[in-house]
C-alpha atoms as a PDB file:
ATOM      1  CA  MET A   1     -49.245 115.013-142.909  1.00  0.00           C
ATOM      2  CA  ASP A   2     -48.925 114.543-146.671  1.00  0.00           C
ATOM      3  CA  ILE A   3     -48.813 110.744-146.935  1.00  0.00           C
ATOM      4  CA  LEU A   4     -49.578 110.768-150.660  1.00  0.00           C
ATOM      5  CA  GLY A   5     -46.643 113.088-151.248  1.00  0.00           C
ATOM      6  CA  SER A   6     -44.192 110.988-149.259  1.00  0.00           C
ATOM      7  CA  GLY A   7     -43.188 108.819-152.219  1.00  0.00           C
ATOM      8  CA  HIS A   8     -44.398 105.617-150.589  1.00  0.00           C
ATOM      9  CA  GLU A   9     -46.036 102.898-152.647  1.00  0.00           C
ATOM     10  CA  GLN A  10     -48.472 101.834-149.941  1.00  0.00           C
ATOM     11  CA  VAL A  11     -49.449 102.668-146.368  1.00  0.00           C
ATOM     12  CA  VAL A  12     -51.737 100.243-144.549  1.00  0.00           C
ATOM     13  CA  PHE A  13     -53.623 101.001-141.338  1.00  0.00           C
ATOM     14  CA  CYS A  14     -54.322  97.909-139.236  1.00  0.00           C
ATOM     15  CA  SER A  15     -56.963  97.758-136.515  1.00  0.00           C
ATOM     16  CA  ASP A  16     -58.338  94.876-134.471  1.00  0.00           C
ATOM     17  CA  PRO A  17     -60.309  96.275-131.503  1.00  0.00           C
ATOM     18  CA  GLU A  18     -60.695  92.950-129.708  1.00  0.00           C
ATOM     19  CA  SER A  19     -56.943  92.352-129.402  1.00  0.00           C
ATOM     20  CA  GLY A  20     -56.145  96.051-129.147  1.00  0.00           C
ATOM     21  CA  LEU A  21     -54.030  96.055-132.308  1.00  0.00           C
ATOM     22  CA  ARG A  22     -53.385  99.463-133.830  1.00  0.00           C
ATOM     23  CA  ALA A  23     -50.593  99.374-136.376  1.00  0.00           C
ATOM     24  CA  VAL A  24     -49.261 101.032-139.512  1.00  0.00           C
ATOM     25  CA  ILE A  25     -47.365  99.211-142.268  1.00  0.00           C
ATOM     26  CA  ALA A  26     -45.473 101.481-144.671  1.00  0.00           C
ATOM     27  CA  VAL A  27     -44.098 100.102-147.946  1.00  0.00           C
ATOM     28  CA  HIS A  28     -41.714 102.662-149.352  1.00  0.00           C
ATOM     29  CA  SER A  29     -40.345 100.810-152.385  1.00  0.00           C
ATOM     30  CA  THR A  30     -40.433  97.385-153.987  1.00  0.00           C
ATOM     31  CA  ALA A  31     -38.199  98.383-156.919  1.00  0.00           C
ATOM     32  CA  LEU A  32     -35.495  95.911-155.848  1.00  0.00           C
ATOM     33  CA  GLY A  33     -37.783  93.282-154.342  1.00  0.00           C
ATOM     34  CA  PRO A  34     -40.245  92.807-151.487  1.00  0.00           C
ATOM     35  CA  ALA A  35     -40.036  95.496-148.819  1.00  0.00           C
ATOM     36  CA  LEU A  36     -38.170  94.220-145.759  1.00  0.00           C
ATOM     37  CA  GLY A  37     -38.214  96.077-142.469  1.00  0.00           C
ATOM     38  CA  GLY A  38     -38.813  95.379-138.792  1.00  0.00           C
ATOM     39  CA  THR A  39     -41.875  95.836-136.619  1.00  0.00           C
ATOM     40  CA  ARG A  40     -41.479  98.507-133.948  1.00  0.00           C
ATOM     41  CA  PHE A  41     -43.739  98.205-130.863  1.00  0.00           C
ATOM     42  CA  TYR A  42     -43.750 101.588-129.148  1.00  0.00           C
ATOM     43  CA  PRO A  43     -46.099 103.832-127.105  1.00  0.00           C
ATOM     44  CA  TYR A  44     -46.363 106.678-129.590  1.00  0.00           C
ATOM     45  CA  PRO A  45     -48.005 109.845-128.252  1.00  0.00           C
ATOM     46  CA  SER A  46     -50.396 109.926-131.218  1.00  0.00           C
ATOM     47  CA  GLU A  47     -51.323 108.084-134.402  1.00  0.00           C
ATOM     48  CA  GLU A  48     -49.756 110.911-136.380  1.00  0.00           C
ATOM     49  CA  ASP A  49     -46.428 110.315-134.625  1.00  0.00           C
ATOM     50  CA  ALA A  50     -46.687 106.595-135.419  1.00  0.00           C
ATOM     51  CA  VAL A  51     -47.366 107.255-139.095  1.00  0.00           C
ATOM     52  CA  ALA A  52     -44.481 109.734-139.316  1.00  0.00           C
ATOM     53  CA  ASP A  53     -42.105 107.171-137.790  1.00  0.00           C
ATOM     54  CA  ALA A  54     -43.286 104.410-140.146  1.00  0.00           C
ATOM     55  CA  LEU A  55     -42.779 106.658-143.172  1.00  0.00           C
ATOM     56  CA  ARG A  56     -39.328 107.795-142.065  1.00  0.00           C
ATOM     57  CA  LEU A  57     -38.077 104.349-141.068  1.00  0.00           C
ATOM     58  CA  SER A  58     -39.389 102.602-144.185  1.00  0.00           C
ATOM     59  CA  THR A  59     -37.642 105.131-146.434  1.00  0.00           C
ATOM     60  CA  ALA A  60     -34.387 104.480-144.586  1.00  0.00           C
ATOM     61  CA  MET A  61     -34.864 100.734-145.112  1.00  0.00           C
ATOM     62  CA  SER A  62     -35.021 101.195-148.896  1.00  0.00           C
ATOM     63  CA  TYR A  63     -31.634 102.899-148.777  1.00  0.00           C
ATOM     64  CA  LYS A  64     -30.175 100.408-146.292  1.00  0.00           C
ATOM     65  CA  ASN A  65     -31.210  97.352-148.293  1.00  0.00           C
ATOM     66  CA  SER A  66     -30.016  98.891-151.553  1.00  0.00           C
ATOM     67  CA  LEU A  67     -26.595  99.880-150.243  1.00  0.00           C
ATOM     68  CA  ALA A  68     -26.200  96.434-148.658  1.00  0.00           C
ATOM     69  CA  GLY A  69     -26.594  94.916-152.123  1.00  0.00           C
ATOM     70  CA  LEU A  70     -29.790  93.061-151.207  1.00  0.00           C
ATOM     71  CA  ASP A  71     -32.615  92.349-153.635  1.00  0.00           C
ATOM     72  CA  LEU A  72     -35.083  93.933-151.262  1.00  0.00           C
ATOM     73  CA  GLY A  73     -37.086  97.111-151.046  1.00  0.00           C
ATOM     74  CA  GLY A  74     -37.839  99.085-147.919  1.00  0.00           C
ATOM     75  CA  GLY A  75     -40.721  98.858-145.500  1.00  0.00           C
ATOM     76  CA  LYS A  76     -41.480  99.251-141.817  1.00  0.00           C
ATOM     77  CA  ALA A  77     -44.324  98.569-139.430  1.00  0.00           C
ATOM     78  CA  VAL A  78     -45.150 100.210-136.131  1.00  0.00           C
ATOM     79  CA  ILE A  79     -47.529  98.876-133.499  1.00  0.00           C
ATOM     80  CA  ILE A  80     -48.902 101.551-131.195  1.00  0.00           C
ATOM     81  CA  GLY A  81     -48.719 100.532-127.552  1.00  0.00           C
ATOM     82  CA  ASP A  82     -46.489  99.642-124.658  1.00  0.00           C
ATOM     83  CA  PRO A  83     -44.887  96.256-125.389  1.00  0.00           C
ATOM     84  CA  ARG A  84     -44.509  95.584-121.657  1.00  0.00           C
ATOM     85  CA  THR A  85     -48.261  95.686-121.055  1.00  0.00           C
ATOM     86  CA  ASP A  86     -50.056  95.532-124.425  1.00  0.00           C
ATOM     87  CA  LYS A  87     -48.263  92.705-126.207  1.00  0.00           C
ATOM     88  CA  THR A  88     -50.381  89.526-126.353  1.00  0.00           C
ATOM     89  CA  GLU A  89     -50.577  86.425-128.513  1.00  0.00           C
ATOM     90  CA  ALA A  90     -53.890  87.594-129.946  1.00  0.00           C
ATOM     91  CA  LEU A  91     -52.478  90.999-130.883  1.00  0.00           C
ATOM     92  CA  LEU A  92     -49.368  89.559-132.533  1.00  0.00           C
ATOM     93  CA  ARG A  93     -51.378  87.001-134.465  1.00  0.00           C
ATOM     94  CA  ALA A  94     -53.844  89.664-135.608  1.00  0.00           C
ATOM     95  CA  TYR A  95     -50.877  91.691-136.827  1.00  0.00           C
ATOM     96  CA  GLY A  96     -49.568  88.611-138.651  1.00  0.00           C
ATOM     97  CA  ARG A  97     -52.835  88.341-140.572  1.00  0.00           C
ATOM     98  CA  PHE A  98     -52.442  91.893-141.845  1.00  0.00           C
ATOM     99  CA  VAL A  99     -48.878  91.119-142.959  1.00  0.00           C
ATOM    100  CA  GLU A 100     -50.125  87.986-144.738  1.00  0.00           C
ATOM    101  CA  ALA A 101     -52.846  89.992-146.488  1.00  0.00           C
ATOM    102  CA  LEU A 102     -50.146  91.989-148.278  1.00  0.00           C
ATOM    103  CA  GLY A 103     -49.154  88.797-150.096  1.00  0.00           C
ATOM    104  CA  GLY A 104     -45.398  89.148-149.673  1.00  0.00           C
ATOM    105  CA  ARG A 105     -45.034  92.802-150.627  1.00  0.00           C
ATOM    106  CA  TYR A 106     -43.879  93.378-147.038  1.00  0.00           C
ATOM    107  CA  LEU A 107     -41.542  91.102-145.069  1.00  0.00           C
ATOM    108  CA  THR A 108     -41.406  91.797-141.359  1.00  0.00           C
ATOM    109  CA  ALA A 109     -38.751  91.167-138.693  1.00  0.00           C
ATOM    110  CA  CYS A 110     -37.711  92.389-135.227  1.00  0.00           C
ATOM    111  CA  ASP A 111     -37.213  95.989-134.188  1.00  0.00           C
ATOM    112  CA  VAL A 112     -37.512  98.053-131.016  1.00  0.00           C
ATOM    113  CA  GLY A 113     -39.999  96.333-128.724  1.00  0.00           C
ATOM    114  CA  THR A 114     -40.178  93.041-130.657  1.00  0.00           C
ATOM    115  CA  TYR A 115     -38.036  89.931-130.347  1.00  0.00           C
ATOM    116  CA  ASN A 116     -37.424  86.580-132.020  1.00  0.00           C
ATOM    117  CA  ALA A 117     -40.101  84.927-129.873  1.00  0.00           C
ATOM    118  CA  ASP A 118     -42.635  87.566-130.985  1.00  0.00           C
ATOM    119  CA  LEU A 119     -41.887  86.852-134.637  1.00  0.00           C
ATOM    120  CA  ASP A 120     -42.431  83.150-133.937  1.00  0.00           C
ATOM    121  CA  VAL A 121     -45.977  84.072-132.894  1.00  0.00           C
ATOM    122  CA  VAL A 122     -46.520  86.407-135.853  1.00  0.00           C
ATOM    123  CA  ALA A 123     -45.315  83.609-138.157  1.00  0.00           C
ATOM    124  CA  ARG A 124     -48.208  81.403-137.056  1.00  0.00           C
ATOM    125  CA  GLU A 125     -50.391  83.647-139.212  1.00  0.00           C
ATOM    126  CA  THR A 126     -48.067  84.632-142.053  1.00  0.00           C
ATOM    127  CA  ARG A 127     -45.358  83.223-144.318  1.00  0.00           C
ATOM    128  CA  PHE A 128     -43.641  86.595-144.349  1.00  0.00           C
ATOM    129  CA  ALA A 129     -42.265  86.886-140.794  1.00  0.00           C
ATOM    130  CA  HIS A 130     -38.490  86.619-140.486  1.00  0.00           C
ATOM    131  CA  GLY A 131     -35.924  87.084-137.742  1.00  0.00           C
ATOM    132  CA  ARG A 132     -37.393  84.062-135.975  1.00  0.00           C
ATOM    133  CA  SER A 133     -35.731  82.104-133.191  1.00  0.00           C
ATOM    134  CA  LEU A 134     -33.178  79.415-133.954  1.00  0.00           C
ATOM    135  CA  ALA A 135     -35.525  76.742-132.603  1.00  0.00           C
ATOM    136  CA  TYR A 136     -37.941  77.513-135.448  1.00  0.00           C
ATOM    137  CA  GLY A 137     -35.307  77.599-138.158  1.00  0.00           C
ATOM    138  CA  GLY A 138     -34.754  81.335-138.005  1.00  0.00           C
ATOM    139  CA  CYS A 139     -31.611  83.441-137.817  1.00  0.00           C
ATOM    140  CA  GLY A 140     -31.917  84.261-134.129  1.00  0.00           C
ATOM    141  CA  ASP A 141     -30.620  87.447-132.548  1.00  0.00           C
ATOM    142  CA  SER A 142     -29.487  89.839-135.296  1.00  0.00           C
ATOM    143  CA  SER A 143     -27.589  92.107-132.902  1.00  0.00           C
ATOM    144  CA  VAL A 144     -24.447  89.995-133.365  1.00  0.00           C
ATOM    145  CA  LEU A 145     -24.040  90.800-137.058  1.00  0.00           C
ATOM    146  CA  THR A 146     -25.378  94.330-136.591  1.00  0.00           C
ATOM    147  CA  ALA A 147     -22.462  95.007-134.244  1.00  0.00           C
ATOM    148  CA  TYR A 148     -20.083  93.163-136.568  1.00  0.00           C
ATOM    149  CA  GLY A 149     -21.112  95.407-139.476  1.00  0.00           C
ATOM    150  CA  VAL A 150     -20.615  98.535-137.370  1.00  0.00           C
ATOM    151  CA  PHE A 151     -17.162  97.251-136.465  1.00  0.00           C
ATOM    152  CA  GLN A 152     -16.346  96.744-140.154  1.00  0.00           C
ATOM    153  CA  GLY A 153     -17.530 100.274-140.923  1.00  0.00           C
ATOM    154  CA  MET A 154     -15.396 101.609-138.071  1.00  0.00           C
ATOM    155  CA  ARG A 155     -12.353  99.722-139.388  1.00  0.00           C
ATOM    156  CA  ALA A 156     -12.922 101.285-142.813  1.00  0.00           C
ATOM    157  CA  ALA A 157     -13.218 104.745-141.251  1.00  0.00           C
ATOM    158  CA  ALA A 158      -9.970 104.186-139.346  1.00  0.00           C
ATOM    159  CA  ARG A 159      -8.276 103.128-142.574  1.00  0.00           C
ATOM    160  CA  HIS A 160      -9.564 106.243-144.326  1.00  0.00           C
ATOM    161  CA  CYS A 161      -8.504 108.609-141.534  1.00  0.00           C
ATOM    162  CA  TRP A 162      -5.347 107.055-140.138  1.00  0.00           C
ATOM    163  CA  GLY A 163      -4.150 104.624-142.793  1.00  0.00           C
ATOM    164  CA  SER A 164      -4.725 101.504-140.700  1.00  0.00           C
ATOM    165  CA  SER A 165      -7.864  99.458-140.227  1.00  0.00           C
ATOM    166  CA  THR A 166      -7.244  98.667-136.568  1.00  0.00           C
ATOM    167  CA  LEU A 167      -8.718 100.546-133.610  1.00  0.00           C
ATOM    168  CA  ALA A 168      -5.842  99.474-131.371  1.00  0.00           C
ATOM    169  CA  GLY A 169      -4.698 102.358-129.207  1.00  0.00           C
ATOM    170  CA  ARG A 170      -7.739 104.477-130.118  1.00  0.00           C
ATOM    171  CA  THR A 171     -10.389 105.532-127.616  1.00  0.00           C
ATOM    172  CA  VAL A 172     -13.935 104.685-128.634  1.00  0.00           C
ATOM    173  CA  ALA A 173     -16.902 106.232-126.797  1.00  0.00           C
ATOM    174  CA  VAL A 174     -19.999 104.019-127.001  1.00  0.00           C
ATOM    175  CA  ALA A 175     -23.347 105.593-126.160  1.00  0.00           C
ATOM    176  CA  GLY A 176     -25.713 102.729-125.377  1.00  0.00           C
ATOM    177  CA  VAL A 177     -24.496  99.265-124.434  1.00  0.00           C
ATOM    178  CA  GLY A 178     -27.596  97.209-125.010  1.00  0.00           C
ATOM    179  CA  LYS A 179     -27.500  94.207-127.322  1.00  0.00           C
ATOM    180  CA  VAL A 180     -25.699  95.903-130.226  1.00  0.00           C
ATOM    181  CA  GLY A 181     -23.542  98.248-128.160  1.00  0.00           C
ATOM    182  CA  SER A 182     -22.283  95.514-125.857  1.00  0.00           C
ATOM    183  CA  GLU A 183     -21.416  93.241-128.796  1.00  0.00           C
ATOM    184  CA  LEU A 184     -19.538  96.144-130.361  1.00  0.00           C
ATOM    185  CA  VAL A 185     -17.593  96.665-127.136  1.00  0.00           C
ATOM    186  CA  ASP A 186     -16.527  93.000-127.220  1.00  0.00           C
ATOM    187  CA  LEU A 187     -15.191  93.383-130.764  1.00  0.00           C
ATOM    188  CA  LEU A 188     -13.367  96.630-129.985  1.00  0.00           C
ATOM    189  CA  VAL A 189     -11.748  95.292-126.829  1.00  0.00           C
ATOM    190  CA  ALA A 190     -10.507  92.289-128.822  1.00  0.00           C
ATOM    191  CA  ASP A 191      -9.060  94.715-131.383  1.00  0.00           C
ATOM    192  CA  GLY A 192      -7.103  96.585-128.705  1.00  0.00           C
ATOM    193  CA  ALA A 193      -9.211  99.738-128.397  1.00  0.00           C
ATOM    194  CA  ASP A 194      -9.764 101.678-125.185  1.00  0.00           C
ATOM    195  CA  LEU A 195     -13.447 102.011-124.290  1.00  0.00           C
ATOM    196  CA  VAL A 196     -15.548 104.535-122.430  1.00  0.00           C
ATOM    197  CA  VAL A 197     -19.287 103.849-122.268  1.00  0.00           C
ATOM    198  CA  THR A 198     -22.620 105.027-120.935  1.00  0.00           C
ATOM    199  CA  ASP A 199     -26.209 103.796-120.866  1.00  0.00           C
ATOM    200  CA  VAL A 200     -29.456 104.838-119.187  1.00  0.00           C
ATOM    201  CA  ASP A 201     -29.577 101.301-117.812  1.00  0.00           C
ATOM    202  CA  ASP A 202     -26.921 100.946-115.115  1.00  0.00           C
ATOM    203  CA  ALA A 203     -27.278  97.168-115.245  1.00  0.00           C
ATOM    204  CA  ALA A 204     -26.244  97.147-118.916  1.00  0.00           C
ATOM    205  CA  VAL A 205     -23.084  99.051-118.056  1.00  0.00           C
ATOM    206  CA  GLU A 206     -22.295  96.679-115.208  1.00  0.00           C
ATOM    207  CA  ARG A 207     -22.707  93.657-117.474  1.00  0.00           C
ATOM    208  CA  VAL A 208     -20.147  95.122-119.867  1.00  0.00           C
ATOM    209  CA  ARG A 209     -17.722  95.974-117.070  1.00  0.00           C
ATOM    210  CA  ALA A 210     -18.093  92.502-115.586  1.00  0.00           C
ATOM    211  CA  ARG A 211     -16.694  91.098-118.847  1.00  0.00           C
ATOM    212  CA  HIS A 212     -14.201  93.916-119.386  1.00  0.00           C
ATOM    213  CA  PRO A 213     -13.167  95.606-116.118  1.00  0.00           C
ATOM    214  CA  GLN A 214     -10.866  97.961-118.022  1.00  0.00           C
ATOM    215  CA  VAL A 215     -13.844  99.676-119.705  1.00  0.00           C
ATOM    216  CA  ARG A 216     -14.538 103.102-118.201  1.00  0.00           C
ATOM    217  CA  ALA A 217     -18.090 104.307-117.573  1.00  0.00           C
ATOM    218  CA  VAL A 218     -19.480 107.840-117.329  1.00  0.00           C
ATOM    219  CA  ALA A 219     -22.787 109.046-115.964  1.00  0.00           C
ATOM    220  CA  ASP A 220     -24.596 110.044-119.151  1.00  0.00           C
ATOM    221  CA  THR A 221     -24.292 110.952-122.809  1.00  0.00           C
ATOM    222  CA  ALA A 222     -23.525 114.596-122.046  1.00  0.00           C
ATOM    223  CA  ALA A 223     -20.483 113.486-120.064  1.00  0.00           C
ATOM    224  CA  LEU A 224     -19.504 110.953-122.723  1.00  0.00           C
ATOM    225  CA  VAL A 225     -19.568 113.515-125.527  1.00  0.00           C
ATOM    226  CA  THR A 226     -17.066 115.740-123.734  1.00  0.00           C
ATOM    227  CA  THR A 227     -14.762 112.895-122.660  1.00  0.00           C
ATOM    228  CA  PRO A 228     -11.626 112.787-124.863  1.00  0.00           C
ATOM    229  CA  HIS A 229     -12.063 110.105-127.532  1.00  0.00           C
ATOM    230  CA  ASP A 230     -11.189 109.316-131.134  1.00  0.00           C
ATOM    231  CA  VAL A 231     -14.391 107.575-132.262  1.00  0.00           C
ATOM    232  CA  TYR A 232     -17.956 108.269-131.153  1.00  0.00           C
ATOM    233  CA  ALA A 233     -20.369 105.329-131.502  1.00  0.00           C
ATOM    234  CA  PRO A 234     -24.058 106.173-130.975  1.00  0.00           C
ATOM    235  CA  CYS A 235     -25.771 102.829-130.311  1.00  0.00           C
ATOM    236  CA  ALA A 236     -29.025 103.852-128.610  1.00  0.00           C
ATOM    237  CA  LEU A 237     -32.086 105.576-130.134  1.00  0.00           C
ATOM    238  CA  GLY A 238     -32.093 107.927-133.122  1.00  0.00           C
ATOM    239  CA  GLY A 239     -31.441 111.656-133.255  1.00  0.00           C
ATOM    240  CA  ALA A 240     -28.145 111.321-131.378  1.00  0.00           C
ATOM    241  CA  LEU A 241     -26.308 113.825-133.563  1.00  0.00           C
ATOM    242  CA  ASP A 242     -27.769 117.271-133.006  1.00  0.00           C
ATOM    243  CA  GLU A 243     -26.110 120.670-133.272  1.00  0.00           C
ATOM    244  CA  ALA A 244     -24.986 120.776-129.649  1.00  0.00           C
ATOM    245  CA  THR A 245     -23.514 117.279-129.740  1.00  0.00           C
ATOM    246  CA  VAL A 246     -21.672 117.850-132.998  1.00  0.00           C
ATOM    247  CA  ALA A 247     -20.264 121.137-131.726  1.00  0.00           C
ATOM    248  CA  ALA A 248     -18.886 119.436-128.602  1.00  0.00           C
ATOM    249  CA  LEU A 249     -17.536 116.208-130.123  1.00  0.00           C
ATOM    250  CA  PRO A 250     -13.760 115.724-129.878  1.00  0.00           C
ATOM    251  CA  ALA A 251     -13.990 112.636-132.117  1.00  0.00           C
ATOM    252  CA  ARG A 252     -12.412 112.282-135.545  1.00  0.00           C
ATOM    253  CA  ILE A 253     -14.913 109.561-136.530  1.00  0.00           C
ATOM    254  CA  VAL A 254     -18.597 108.953-135.827  1.00  0.00           C
ATOM    255  CA  CYS A 255     -19.679 105.360-136.423  1.00  0.00           C
ATOM    256  CA  GLY A 256     -22.416 103.628-134.453  1.00  0.00           C
ATOM    257  CA  GLY A 257     -25.316 101.211-134.581  1.00  0.00           C
ATOM    258  CA  ALA A 258     -28.248 103.540-133.895  1.00  0.00           C
ATOM    259  CA  ASN A 259     -30.730 104.257-136.678  1.00  0.00           C
ATOM    260  CA  ASN A 260     -31.439 107.773-137.973  1.00  0.00           C
ATOM    261  CA  GLN A 261     -28.599 109.413-136.074  1.00  0.00           C
ATOM    262  CA  LEU A 262     -28.804 112.787-137.837  1.00  0.00           C
ATOM    263  CA  ALA A 263     -31.264 114.873-135.831  1.00  0.00           C
ATOM    264  CA  ALA A 264     -31.841 117.514-138.511  1.00  0.00           C
ATOM    265  CA  PRO A 265     -31.011 118.407-142.111  1.00  0.00           C
ATOM    266  CA  GLY A 266     -27.559 119.877-142.395  1.00  0.00           C
ATOM    267  CA  ILE A 267     -26.011 117.868-139.566  1.00  0.00           C
ATOM    268  CA  ALA A 268     -24.047 115.705-142.023  1.00  0.00           C
ATOM    269  CA  ASP A 269     -22.522 118.818-143.585  1.00  0.00           C
ATOM    270  CA  ARG A 270     -21.807 120.219-140.135  1.00  0.00           C
ATOM    271  CA  LEU A 271     -19.830 117.081-139.264  1.00  0.00           C
ATOM    272  CA  THR A 272     -17.855 117.397-142.500  1.00  0.00           C
ATOM    273  CA  SER A 273     -17.087 121.060-141.848  1.00  0.00           C
ATOM    274  CA  ARG A 274     -15.695 120.120-138.435  1.00  0.00           C
ATOM    275  CA  GLY A 275     -13.440 117.498-140.010  1.00  0.00           C
ATOM    276  CA  ILE A 276     -15.358 114.589-138.482  1.00  0.00           C
ATOM    277  CA  LEU A 277     -15.793 111.539-140.707  1.00  0.00           C
ATOM    278  CA  TYR A 278     -19.369 110.261-140.445  1.00  0.00           C
ATOM    279  CA  ALA A 279     -20.005 106.628-141.330  1.00  0.00           C
ATOM    280  CA  PRO A 280     -23.683 106.662-142.416  1.00  0.00           C
ATOM    281  CA  ASP A 281     -25.763 104.691-139.958  1.00  0.00           C
ATOM    282  CA  TYR A 282     -27.818 102.765-142.492  1.00  0.00           C
ATOM    283  CA  LEU A 283     -24.612 101.633-144.188  1.00  0.00           C
ATOM    284  CA  VAL A 284     -22.758 100.343-141.144  1.00  0.00           C
ATOM    285  CA  ASN A 285     -25.699  98.864-139.205  1.00  0.00           C
ATOM    286  CA  ALA A 286     -26.893  96.740-142.136  1.00  0.00           C
ATOM    287  CA  GLY A 287     -25.415  93.541-140.699  1.00  0.00           C
ATOM    288  CA  GLY A 288     -28.683  92.763-138.965  1.00  0.00           C
ATOM    289  CA  VAL A 289     -30.789  93.020-142.110  1.00  0.00           C
ATOM    290  CA  ILE A 290     -28.196  90.934-143.967  1.00  0.00           C
ATOM    291  CA  GLN A 291     -28.638  88.275-141.280  1.00  0.00           C
ATOM    292  CA  VAL A 292     -32.431  88.398-141.531  1.00  0.00           C
ATOM    293  CA  GLU A 293     -32.348  88.246-145.337  1.00  0.00           C
ATOM    294  CA  ASP A 294     -30.157  85.154-145.199  1.00  0.00           C
ATOM    295  CA  GLU A 295     -32.886  83.372-143.242  1.00  0.00           C
ATOM    296  CA  ARG A 296     -34.967  83.345-146.417  1.00  0.00           C
ATOM    297  CA  HIS A 297     -32.434  80.954-147.984  1.00  0.00           C
ATOM    298  CA  GLY A 298     -31.970  78.555-145.070  1.00  0.00           C
ATOM    299  CA  PHE A 299     -29.900  80.427-142.538  1.00  0.00           C
ATOM    300  CA  SER A 300     -26.120  80.102-142.481  1.00  0.00           C
ATOM    301  CA  PHE A 301     -24.378  82.335-139.957  1.00  0.00           C
ATOM    302  CA  GLU A 302     -21.027  82.028-141.730  1.00  0.00           C
ATOM    303  CA  ARG A 303     -22.552  82.993-145.079  1.00  0.00           C
ATOM    304  CA  ALA A 304     -24.308  85.995-143.531  1.00  0.00           C
ATOM    305  CA  ARG A 305     -21.149  87.023-141.669  1.00  0.00           C
ATOM    306  CA  ALA A 306     -19.132  86.862-144.887  1.00  0.00           C
ATOM    307  CA  ARG A 307     -21.633  89.126-146.596  1.00  0.00           C
ATOM    308  CA  ALA A 308     -21.656  91.556-143.661  1.00  0.00           C
ATOM    309  CA  SER A 309     -17.854  91.771-143.983  1.00  0.00           C
ATOM    310  CA  GLY A 310     -18.505  93.579-147.258  1.00  0.00           C
ATOM    311  CA  ILE A 311     -19.655  96.639-145.303  1.00  0.00           C
ATOM    312  CA  TYR A 312     -15.943  97.453-144.957  1.00  0.00           C
ATOM    313  CA  ASP A 313     -15.467  97.773-148.741  1.00  0.00           C
ATOM    314  CA  VAL A 314     -18.725  99.664-149.281  1.00  0.00           C
ATOM    315  CA  ALA A 315     -17.761 102.139-146.559  1.00  0.00           C
ATOM    316  CA  LEU A 316     -14.395 102.784-148.210  1.00  0.00           C
ATOM    317  CA  ARG A 317     -16.228 103.375-151.490  1.00  0.00           C
ATOM    318  CA  VAL A 318     -18.587 105.854-149.813  1.00  0.00           C
ATOM    319  CA  PHE A 319     -15.726 107.756-148.166  1.00  0.00           C
ATOM    320  CA  GLY A 320     -13.815 107.868-151.444  1.00  0.00           C
ATOM    321  CA  LEU A 321     -16.812 109.216-153.364  1.00  0.00           C
ATOM    322  CA  ALA A 322     -17.437 111.835-150.696  1.00  0.00           C
ATOM    323  CA  ASP A 323     -13.865 113.087-150.975  1.00  0.00           C
ATOM    324  CA  ALA A 324     -13.878 113.034-154.773  1.00  0.00           C
ATOM    325  CA  GLU A 325     -17.176 114.923-155.062  1.00  0.00           C
ATOM    326  CA  GLY A 326     -16.675 117.271-152.113  1.00  0.00           C
ATOM    327  CA  ILE A 327     -19.842 116.047-150.412  1.00  0.00           C
ATOM    328  CA  SER A 328     -20.638 114.464-147.064  1.00  0.00           C
ATOM    329  CA  PRO A 329     -20.469 110.675-146.677  1.00  0.00           C
ATOM    330  CA  ALA A 330     -24.221 110.753-145.988  1.00  0.00           C
ATOM    331  CA  ALA A 331     -24.855 112.334-149.395  1.00  0.00           C
ATOM    332  CA  ALA A 332     -22.440 109.906-151.037  1.00  0.00           C
ATOM    333  CA  ALA A 333     -24.187 106.898-149.490  1.00  0.00           C
ATOM    334  CA  ASP A 334     -27.576 108.221-150.605  1.00  0.00           C
ATOM    335  CA  ARG A 335     -26.271 108.663-154.135  1.00  0.00           C
ATOM    336  CA  LEU A 336     -24.970 105.097-154.350  1.00  0.00           C
ATOM    337  CA  ALA A 337     -28.180 103.659-152.913  1.00  0.00           C
ATOM    338  CA  GLU A 338     -30.355 105.688-155.309  1.00  0.00           C
ATOM    339  CA  GLU A 339     -28.237 104.705-158.308  1.00  0.00           C
ATOM    340  CA  ARG A 340     -28.700 101.011-157.542  1.00  0.00           C
ATOM    341  CA  ILE A 341     -32.447 101.414-157.029  1.00  0.00           C
ATOM    342  CA  ARG A 342     -32.722 103.130-160.415  1.00  0.00           C
ATOM    343  CA  SER A 343     -30.399 100.881-162.405  1.00  0.00           C
ATOM    344  CA  VAL A 344     -31.466  97.514-161.018  1.00  0.00           C
ATOM    345  CA  GLY A 345     -35.065  98.479-160.310  1.00  0.00           C
ATOM    346  CA  ARG A 346     -35.679  99.355-163.958  1.00  0.00           C
ATOM    347  CA  LEU A 347     -35.176  95.671-164.862  1.00  0.00           C
ATOM    348  CA  ALA A 348     -38.707  95.001-163.627  1.00  0.00           C
ATOM    349  CA  ALA A 349     -39.872  96.660-166.854  1.00  0.00           C
ATOM    350  CA  ILE A 350     -38.217  93.888-168.889  1.00  0.00           C
ATOM    351  CA  ARG A 351     -40.895  91.234-169.135  1.00  0.00           C
ATOM    352  CA  LEU A 352     -39.671  87.660-168.752  1.00  0.00           C
ATOM    353  CA  PRO A 353     -41.418  84.746-170.490  1.00  0.00           C
ATOM    354  CA  ARG A 354     -43.815  82.791-168.304  1.00  0.00           C
END
């Protein structure tokens, strides 16, 4: 693996044998500000797999934070292990000391396998842990605004495709109804959409159907993909959009909360060639990082929600650029994110008086 050729500013390997901590912190860019990105706690098959995930996810965070208009760079941390059995106070606090040692270049938050309560523990060793629980002055569960941002992106996609920003009367297929997916279902039901859902966790599906009995459920993602629907919303793990899935999709729009949905290069162009409008994942799921960033200023949910509403306008801008340039929305989003990193990031070269 060519780490030095990855374009990252810094990759830190963290080890504390007594607590069992094995972690990687990847700082992709600090051109716009300190690198913000969550901590993923996951049983990777190998250290090489963990490093590859940290590099990939931290790069995506640079683009996400830029496109969201935040003065933040991109970073990500991964802790190798099973969070159900390996997570301890000692391990989390040891990890916090490594974060603190970076002096604010990296700001951490929640991700897969970590929760607000975990960040409360990490914060006992570092000033740079965010996404803390409300009881400790944090922003709490970021899934609420993550789902809200996806909903705004979906409204923009509906406006672009059908001339109206409502999903009323449209069928939305949601793959994964965990925290983000279930919040998204609530918003869509309120907007008048018809829902069909699936999840590997039957209990998650039943919780959704207990609130909304009209929601239909299917056995698995393979069944969901072939069920007639207008909008496909991947809200589980990454890699949801592969060649087989894209070939089978009846949807006119793809817009969901999962990270890194494109399983391979060329998938974005394949969606475009099939006439499917893809709302780039790192654009529409930025509500959570907007919520976490707001914590740094004394958290206000209404202020963060207002900023997350802007995802609607950014999405329309991305779709418009894609049409004008004859490129995929994924390429258009990348272009806008890179332009902001270059134009605003260069200001660091202008020395201010001390």
